[in-house]
Amino acid sequence: MGKRNNMNINNLIRSNIKKLSPYASARHEFTGKAEVFLDANENPFETGFNRYPDPLQIEVKKQISKIKNVAVENIFLGNGSDEAIDLLMRIFCEPRIDEIMILPPTYGMYKVSASIADVAIKTVNLTLDFQPNVDEILAAEVKNKTKLLFLCSPNNPTGNSFDLKTMGYLVKHFNGIVVIDEAYIDFAEQESCIKWINKYPNLVILQTFSKAWGLAGIRLGMAFANTQIVNLLNKVKPPYNINQLTQKVALQTLENQEQTKGYIKEILKERYWLELALGDLKFTKKVYSSDANFILVEFDNPRIVYDYLAAKGVIVRDRSNVILCDNCLRITVGTHEENGILVNCLREMI
């Protein structure tokens, strides 16, 4: 294993992004209080939505700051975490020159976003126990070319968390930006890596409102990083990337944490019951332990199971063609009623 590399983030940024003069919206130029706004060519008649939203979503970030114990200036909000993924590639990866590294099986949008950006994709498969292969990762990276390493923990579609020491070692020794995607962290026993952002300048943590918060429909993702990276994300994002409706719903939900805690408690309870129930089926080969709100299950014949459930109106995700997930279905933890319907359908197959 290699020695710690001294890193200068400036050396990783695309030259055109360094030179970029971002668009300055009317709401960027004036941030104080006023009674008459004639600066942004808005419709003056009050509809509730005739004014542009806060381009930096400060009130939402203040609430997130309290909950996550992260400074406002270390928070970026995107149109889903997918926007942050896309922007990171635009900031750091030169098309047809640079590359990203992913660890299959993993979240599919890393690959799609790289393909759209015309950025090469280097893959280093997870080990058989679904952990990053540190030696292979560090041996495969090319200095000044492998710009981004994506670690999805808890991992989608396997459901397990990566070892904290392993992730810490990679953040220290990888020569580019390390992105730890924690979309499912609220369901895990393992702690978040969010407290590392002030320690490691090359670290970005992704989280989302789509899972535990129950707000997939508003498309709001979070990125946590040092101020240099957050400022770069704000520099390249569209001026009003988070609309007023999304900000309003997010604020209402952030002020009602007890509801979200209730969702998490119920999902964890149901996940445990579902793991036991699925494990009792004769045609189940393995139920993988999960730190997420879904379970990866290996069946004797997953396609027959999938088609049978679909015919009954129960839809799960077939992951049997994904590397290291042979014969596996990914099953989201639903409500108690939904999980009961699933298991009863499967028992009817026996």
Protein backbone atom coordinates (compact mmCIF):
# COMPACT_ATOMS: atom_id res chain seq x y z
CA MET A 1 0.00 0.00 0.00
CA GLY A 2 1.27 3.43 -0.99
CA LYS A 3 2.24 6.44 1.05
CA ARG A 4 -0.02 9.44 1.64
CA ASN A 5 0.02 11.82 -1.31
CA ASN A 6 0.07 15.57 -0.76
CA MET A 7 -2.83 16.91 -2.78
CA ASN A 8 -3.63 20.29 -4.23
CA ILE A 9 -7.27 20.42 -5.36
CA ASN A 10 -6.40 23.22 -7.81
CA ASN A 11 -4.36 20.74 -9.83
CA LEU A 12 -7.45 18.57 -10.34
CA ILE A 13 -9.83 21.29 -11.62
CA ARG A 14 -10.38 21.66 -15.35
CA SER A 15 -8.68 24.78 -16.67
CA ASN A 16 -11.87 26.14 -18.27
CA ILE A 17 -13.70 25.85 -14.94
CA LYS A 18 -10.93 27.80 -13.20
CA LYS A 19 -11.40 30.60 -15.76
CA LEU A 20 -15.21 30.45 -15.75
CA SER A 21 -17.12 33.60 -14.85
CA PRO A 22 -20.40 32.24 -13.46
CA TYR A 23 -23.75 33.74 -14.35
CA ALA A 24 -24.72 36.36 -11.76
CA SER A 25 -28.48 36.31 -11.26
CA ALA A 26 -30.42 39.27 -9.90
CA ARG A 27 -30.81 37.47 -6.57
CA HIS A 28 -27.05 36.98 -6.37
CA GLU A 29 -26.33 40.67 -6.88
CA PHE A 30 -28.80 41.87 -4.21
CA THR A 31 -29.34 39.83 -1.06
CA GLY A 32 -30.69 42.41 1.40
CA LYS A 33 -34.26 43.40 2.22
CA ALA A 34 -36.39 45.59 -0.03
CA GLU A 35 -40.05 46.33 -0.81
CA VAL A 36 -39.94 46.84 -4.56
CA PHE A 37 -38.11 44.34 -6.76
CA LEU A 38 -37.67 45.55 -10.34
CA ASP A 39 -34.38 43.80 -11.05
CA ALA A 40 -35.20 40.30 -12.33
CA ASN A 41 -37.88 40.79 -15.01
CA GLU A 42 -40.38 38.82 -12.93
CA ASN A 43 -44.16 39.10 -13.24
CA PRO A 44 -45.06 41.67 -10.53
CA PHE A 45 -48.47 40.18 -9.73
CA GLU A 46 -48.47 38.00 -6.63
CA THR A 47 -49.14 34.34 -7.34
CA GLY A 48 -47.09 32.89 -4.53
CA PHE A 49 -44.50 31.82 -7.07
CA ASN A 50 -43.89 34.88 -9.20
CA ARG A 51 -40.47 35.53 -7.63
CA TYR A 52 -37.31 33.54 -8.28
CA PRO A 53 -36.26 31.24 -5.43
CA ASP A 54 -33.17 31.76 -3.30
CA PRO A 55 -30.33 30.58 -5.59
CA LEU A 56 -28.29 29.32 -2.63
CA GLN A 57 -31.21 27.93 -0.56
CA ILE A 58 -29.85 29.48 2.64
CA GLU A 59 -32.89 28.79 4.88
CA VAL A 60 -32.91 25.11 3.90
CA LYS A 61 -29.16 24.86 4.46
CA LYS A 62 -29.50 26.45 7.91
CA GLN A 63 -31.88 23.68 8.97
CA ILE A 64 -29.66 20.97 7.45
CA SER A 65 -26.67 22.56 9.22
CA LYS A 66 -28.35 22.13 12.61
CA ILE A 67 -29.31 18.51 11.97
CA LYS A 68 -26.07 17.37 10.34
CA ASN A 69 -23.76 19.55 12.44
CA VAL A 70 -22.13 20.89 9.28
CA ALA A 71 -21.50 24.56 8.48
CA VAL A 72 -23.77 26.15 5.87
CA GLU A 73 -20.77 26.92 3.65
CA ASN A 74 -19.96 23.20 3.51
CA ILE A 75 -23.38 22.29 2.05
CA PHE A 76 -24.43 22.13 -1.60
CA LEU A 77 -27.99 21.32 -2.65
CA GLY A 78 -28.73 19.76 -6.02
CA ASN A 79 -31.64 18.55 -8.12
CA GLY A 80 -31.20 15.11 -6.60
CA SER A 81 -27.74 13.74 -5.79
CA ASP A 82 -27.49 13.06 -9.52
CA GLU A 83 -26.92 16.78 -10.16
CA ALA A 84 -23.95 16.82 -7.79
CA ILE A 85 -22.53 13.72 -9.50
CA ASP A 86 -22.88 15.39 -12.90
CA LEU A 87 -21.35 18.68 -11.74
CA LEU A 88 -18.37 16.97 -10.11
CA MET A 89 -17.55 15.35 -13.44
CA ARG A 90 -17.84 18.67 -15.24
CA ILE A 91 -15.57 20.37 -12.71
CA PHE A 92 -12.81 17.80 -12.50
CA CYS A 93 -12.91 15.58 -15.61
CA GLU A 94 -11.64 16.70 -19.00
CA PRO A 95 -13.72 14.91 -21.68
CA ARG A 96 -11.82 12.19 -23.60
CA ILE A 97 -8.78 12.68 -21.35
CA ASP A 98 -9.69 12.02 -17.71
CA GLU A 99 -11.52 9.10 -16.13
CA ILE A 100 -13.57 8.12 -13.10
CA MET A 101 -13.30 4.91 -11.10
CA ILE A 102 -16.30 2.89 -9.96
CA LEU A 103 -16.54 -0.33 -7.97
CA PRO A 104 -19.19 -2.67 -9.45
CA PRO A 105 -21.75 -3.68 -8.45
CA THR A 106 -22.73 -0.09 -7.69
CA TYR A 107 -25.21 2.70 -8.40
CA GLY A 108 -25.69 2.98 -12.15
CA MET A 109 -25.76 6.78 -12.51
CA TYR A 110 -22.00 7.16 -12.02
CA LYS A 111 -21.45 5.29 -15.27
CA VAL A 112 -24.28 7.05 -17.11
CA SER A 113 -23.13 10.52 -16.05
CA ALA A 114 -19.57 9.75 -17.12
CA SER A 115 -20.76 8.48 -20.49
CA ILE A 116 -22.80 11.65 -21.04
CA ALA A 117 -19.74 13.76 -20.11
CA ASP A 118 -17.56 11.68 -22.47
CA VAL A 119 -15.34 10.65 -19.57
CA ALA A 120 -13.73 7.20 -19.46
CA ILE A 121 -14.84 4.72 -16.80
CA LYS A 122 -12.37 2.47 -14.99
CA THR A 123 -13.88 -0.41 -13.02
CA VAL A 124 -12.41 -2.31 -10.09
CA ASN A 125 -14.90 -4.90 -8.88
CA LEU A 126 -15.74 -5.25 -5.22
CA THR A 127 -14.39 -8.29 -3.42
CA LEU A 128 -16.61 -11.35 -2.98
CA ASP A 129 -17.78 -9.94 0.37
CA PHE A 130 -18.72 -6.66 -1.36
CA GLN A 131 -15.84 -4.53 -0.03
CA PRO A 132 -13.48 -2.21 -1.94
CA ASN A 133 -10.26 -3.89 -3.10
CA VAL A 134 -7.80 -1.26 -1.86
CA ASP A 135 -4.67 -2.64 -3.52
CA GLU A 136 -6.35 -2.98 -6.91
CA ILE A 137 -7.93 0.48 -6.67
CA LEU A 138 -4.64 2.25 -5.90
CA ALA A 139 -2.77 0.17 -8.50
CA ALA A 140 -5.35 0.98 -11.19
CA GLU A 141 -5.52 4.76 -10.70
CA VAL A 142 -3.50 6.97 -13.03
CA LYS A 143 -2.14 10.11 -11.38
CA ASN A 144 -3.59 13.34 -12.80
CA LYS A 145 -6.02 11.30 -14.92
CA THR A 146 -8.23 9.25 -12.55
CA LYS A 147 -10.04 12.22 -11.08
CA LEU A 148 -13.01 10.74 -9.17
CA LEU A 149 -13.48 7.59 -7.11
CA PHE A 150 -17.07 6.70 -6.19
CA LEU A 151 -17.73 4.72 -3.00
CA CYS A 152 -21.39 3.88 -2.44
CA SER A 153 -21.85 3.04 1.24
CA PRO A 154 -24.29 1.52 2.10
CA ASN A 155 -23.90 0.08 -1.35
CA ASN A 156 -26.60 -0.20 -3.98
CA PRO A 157 -27.55 -2.97 -4.89
CA THR A 158 -25.79 -5.09 -2.25
CA GLY A 159 -27.03 -3.18 0.81
CA ASN A 160 -23.86 -3.47 2.90
CA SER A 161 -21.69 -0.69 4.32
CA PHE A 162 -18.02 -0.43 3.44
CA ASP A 163 -15.47 -0.74 6.23
CA LEU A 164 -14.74 2.71 7.71
CA LYS A 165 -10.98 2.12 7.93
CA THR A 166 -10.93 1.04 4.29
CA MET A 167 -12.75 4.18 3.17
CA GLY A 168 -10.51 6.37 5.32
CA TYR A 169 -7.41 4.80 3.81
CA LEU A 170 -8.71 5.38 0.29
CA VAL A 171 -9.53 9.03 1.00
CA LYS A 172 -5.98 9.51 2.28
CA HIS A 173 -4.18 7.70 -0.52
CA PHE A 174 -6.26 8.21 -3.66
CA ASN A 175 -4.82 10.96 -5.86
CA GLY A 176 -8.18 12.44 -6.86
CA ILE A 177 -11.55 13.32 -5.38
CA VAL A 178 -13.25 10.58 -3.33
CA VAL A 179 -17.05 10.70 -3.39
CA ILE A 180 -18.77 8.69 -0.65
CA ASP A 181 -22.42 8.27 -1.59
CA GLU A 182 -24.43 7.87 1.61
CA ALA A 183 -27.94 7.81 0.14
CA TYR A 184 -28.90 5.00 2.55
CA ILE A 185 -26.88 6.04 5.61
CA ASP A 186 -29.98 6.72 7.74
CA PHE A 187 -30.76 3.00 7.76
CA ALA A 188 -27.24 1.88 8.74
CA GLU A 189 -25.76 1.16 12.15
CA GLN A 190 -22.44 2.48 10.89
CA GLU A 191 -21.85 6.20 11.34
CA SER A 192 -21.67 8.71 8.51
CA CYS A 193 -18.30 9.92 7.20
CA ILE A 194 -19.62 13.48 7.14
CA LYS A 195 -17.33 14.55 10.00
CA TRP A 196 -14.32 13.85 7.75
CA ILE A 197 -14.98 16.71 5.32
CA ASN A 198 -12.90 19.27 7.23
CA LYS A 199 -10.08 16.75 7.63
CA TYR A 200 -9.76 15.68 3.98
CA PRO A 201 -9.85 18.35 1.23
CA ASN A 202 -10.52 15.74 -1.49
CA LEU A 203 -13.66 14.27 0.11
CA VAL A 204 -17.28 14.77 -0.97
CA ILE A 205 -20.19 13.16 0.90
CA LEU A 206 -23.50 12.71 -0.90
CA GLN A 207 -26.83 12.29 0.90
CA THR A 208 -30.44 12.62 -0.21
CA PHE A 209 -33.98 13.47 0.82
CA SER A 210 -35.29 10.63 -1.37
CA LYS A 211 -34.98 7.71 1.06
CA ALA A 212 -35.37 8.15 4.83
CA TRP A 213 -36.99 11.58 4.50
CA GLY A 214 -39.65 10.22 2.13
CA LEU A 215 -39.22 13.01 -0.43
CA ALA A 216 -38.12 11.26 -3.63
CA GLY A 217 -40.72 13.27 -5.54
CA ILE A 218 -39.17 16.69 -4.81
CA ARG A 219 -35.70 15.71 -6.15
CA LEU A 220 -33.38 17.18 -3.55
CA GLY A 221 -29.87 15.92 -2.91
CA MET A 222 -27.11 17.09 -0.60
CA ALA A 223 -23.35 17.27 -1.04
CA PHE A 224 -21.03 18.02 1.87
CA ALA A 225 -17.43 19.09 1.24
CA ASN A 226 -14.82 21.71 2.04
CA THR A 227 -15.67 25.26 0.98
CA GLN A 228 -13.45 25.13 -2.11
CA ILE A 229 -15.41 22.24 -3.63
CA VAL A 230 -18.79 23.66 -2.54
CA ASN A 231 -17.88 27.00 -4.15
CA LEU A 232 -16.98 25.18 -7.36
CA LEU A 233 -20.33 23.36 -7.35
CA ASN A 234 -22.14 26.67 -6.86
CA LYS A 235 -20.06 28.20 -9.63
CA VAL A 236 -21.12 25.70 -12.29
CA LYS A 237 -24.71 24.92 -11.26
CA PRO A 238 -27.69 26.58 -12.98
CA PRO A 239 -28.56 29.80 -11.08
CA TYR A 240 -31.92 28.58 -9.74
CA ASN A 241 -31.41 24.82 -9.60
CA ILE A 242 -33.71 24.24 -6.59
CA ASN A 243 -37.22 25.57 -7.11
CA GLN A 244 -39.33 27.33 -4.49
CA LEU A 245 -41.77 24.44 -4.03
CA THR A 246 -38.93 22.04 -3.30
CA GLN A 247 -37.37 24.43 -0.80
CA LYS A 248 -40.72 24.92 0.95
CA VAL A 249 -41.44 21.20 1.30
CA ALA A 250 -37.87 20.51 2.46
CA LEU A 251 -38.15 23.16 5.18
CA GLN A 252 -41.47 21.76 6.40
CA THR A 253 -40.01 18.26 6.58
CA LEU A 254 -36.78 19.34 8.25
CA GLU A 255 -38.86 20.97 10.99
CA ASN A 256 -40.60 17.64 11.66
CA GLN A 257 -37.73 15.26 12.33
CA GLU A 258 -39.86 13.02 14.52
CA GLN A 259 -41.86 11.90 11.49
CA THR A 260 -38.67 10.91 9.66
CA LYS A 261 -37.35 9.09 12.73
CA GLY A 262 -40.65 7.21 12.80
CA TYR A 263 -40.25 6.19 9.14
CA ILE A 264 -36.73 4.89 9.82
CA LYS A 265 -37.77 2.93 12.91
CA GLU A 266 -40.64 1.25 11.06
CA ILE A 267 -38.52 0.43 8.01
CA LEU A 268 -35.81 -1.15 10.16
CA LYS A 269 -38.42 -3.20 11.99
CA GLU A 270 -39.93 -4.37 8.71
CA ARG A 271 -36.49 -5.08 7.21
CA TYR A 272 -35.71 -7.46 10.07
CA TRP A 273 -39.05 -9.25 9.68
CA LEU A 274 -38.63 -9.45 5.92
CA GLU A 275 -35.12 -10.90 6.19
CA LEU A 276 -36.44 -13.71 8.40
CA ALA A 277 -39.50 -14.38 6.24
CA LEU A 278 -37.52 -14.49 2.99
CA GLY A 279 -34.89 -16.73 4.58
CA ASP A 280 -37.58 -19.32 5.44
CA LEU A 281 -38.56 -19.88 1.79
CA LYS A 282 -37.36 -23.19 0.31
CA PHE A 283 -36.22 -21.59 -2.95
CA THR A 284 -34.21 -18.83 -1.26
CA LYS A 285 -30.48 -19.51 -1.44
CA LYS A 286 -29.21 -16.49 0.50
CA VAL A 287 -30.51 -13.31 2.12
CA TYR A 288 -27.72 -10.76 2.31
CA SER A 289 -27.52 -8.58 5.41
CA SER A 290 -28.53 -5.00 4.72
CA ASP A 291 -27.76 -1.53 6.05
CA ALA A 292 -30.23 0.03 3.60
CA ASN A 293 -33.99 0.10 3.02
CA PHE A 294 -33.77 -2.86 0.65
CA ILE A 295 -32.56 -6.45 0.74
CA LEU A 296 -30.54 -8.39 -1.84
CA VAL A 297 -31.83 -11.96 -2.09
CA GLU A 298 -30.42 -14.88 -4.06
CA PHE A 299 -33.01 -17.35 -5.42
CA ASP A 300 -32.76 -20.70 -7.20
CA ASN A 301 -34.46 -19.18 -10.23
CA PRO A 302 -34.86 -15.40 -9.86
CA ARG A 303 -36.62 -14.86 -13.18
CA ILE A 304 -39.42 -17.25 -12.29
CA VAL A 305 -39.82 -15.46 -8.95
CA TYR A 306 -39.75 -12.03 -10.60
CA ASP A 307 -42.32 -12.96 -13.25
CA TYR A 308 -44.61 -14.63 -10.71
CA LEU A 309 -44.56 -11.54 -8.47
CA ALA A 310 -45.12 -9.23 -11.44
CA ALA A 311 -48.16 -11.26 -12.48
CA LYS A 312 -49.50 -10.72 -8.95
CA GLY A 313 -48.87 -6.96 -9.20
CA VAL A 314 -45.79 -6.96 -6.97
CA ILE A 315 -42.73 -5.37 -8.58
CA VAL A 316 -39.18 -5.96 -7.38
CA ARG A 317 -35.84 -5.32 -9.13
CA ASP A 318 -34.05 -8.06 -11.05
CA ARG A 319 -30.30 -7.68 -10.43
CA SER A 320 -29.36 -11.19 -11.61
CA ASN A 321 -27.35 -9.89 -14.57
CA VAL A 322 -25.25 -7.53 -12.41
CA ILE A 323 -21.71 -8.63 -11.62
CA LEU A 324 -21.40 -10.48 -8.26
CA CYS A 325 -25.21 -10.50 -7.95
CA ASP A 326 -25.90 -13.70 -9.87
CA ASN A 327 -29.48 -14.98 -9.34
CA CYS A 328 -30.35 -12.02 -7.11
CA LEU A 329 -33.42 -9.84 -6.78
CA ARG A 330 -33.33 -6.52 -4.93
CA ILE A 331 -36.41 -6.06 -2.77
CA THR A 332 -37.31 -2.70 -1.25
CA VAL A 333 -38.71 -2.76 2.29
CA GLY A 334 -42.31 -1.60 2.03
CA THR A 335 -45.06 -1.02 4.55
CA HIS A 336 -46.12 -3.88 6.82
CA GLU A 337 -49.06 -4.55 4.51
CA GLU A 338 -46.93 -4.48 1.35
CA ASN A 339 -44.31 -6.77 2.85
CA GLY A 340 -47.05 -9.18 3.91
CA ILE A 341 -48.45 -9.28 0.37
CA LEU A 342 -44.96 -9.98 -1.01
CA VAL A 343 -44.26 -12.83 1.38
CA ASN A 344 -47.72 -14.38 0.96
CA CYS A 345 -47.25 -14.35 -2.83
CA LEU A 346 -43.89 -16.09 -2.45
CA ARG A 347 -45.31 -18.70 -0.07
CA GLU A 348 -47.98 -19.49 -2.66
CA MET A 349 -45.19 -20.48 -5.05
CA ILE A 350 -44.01 -23.32 -2.84
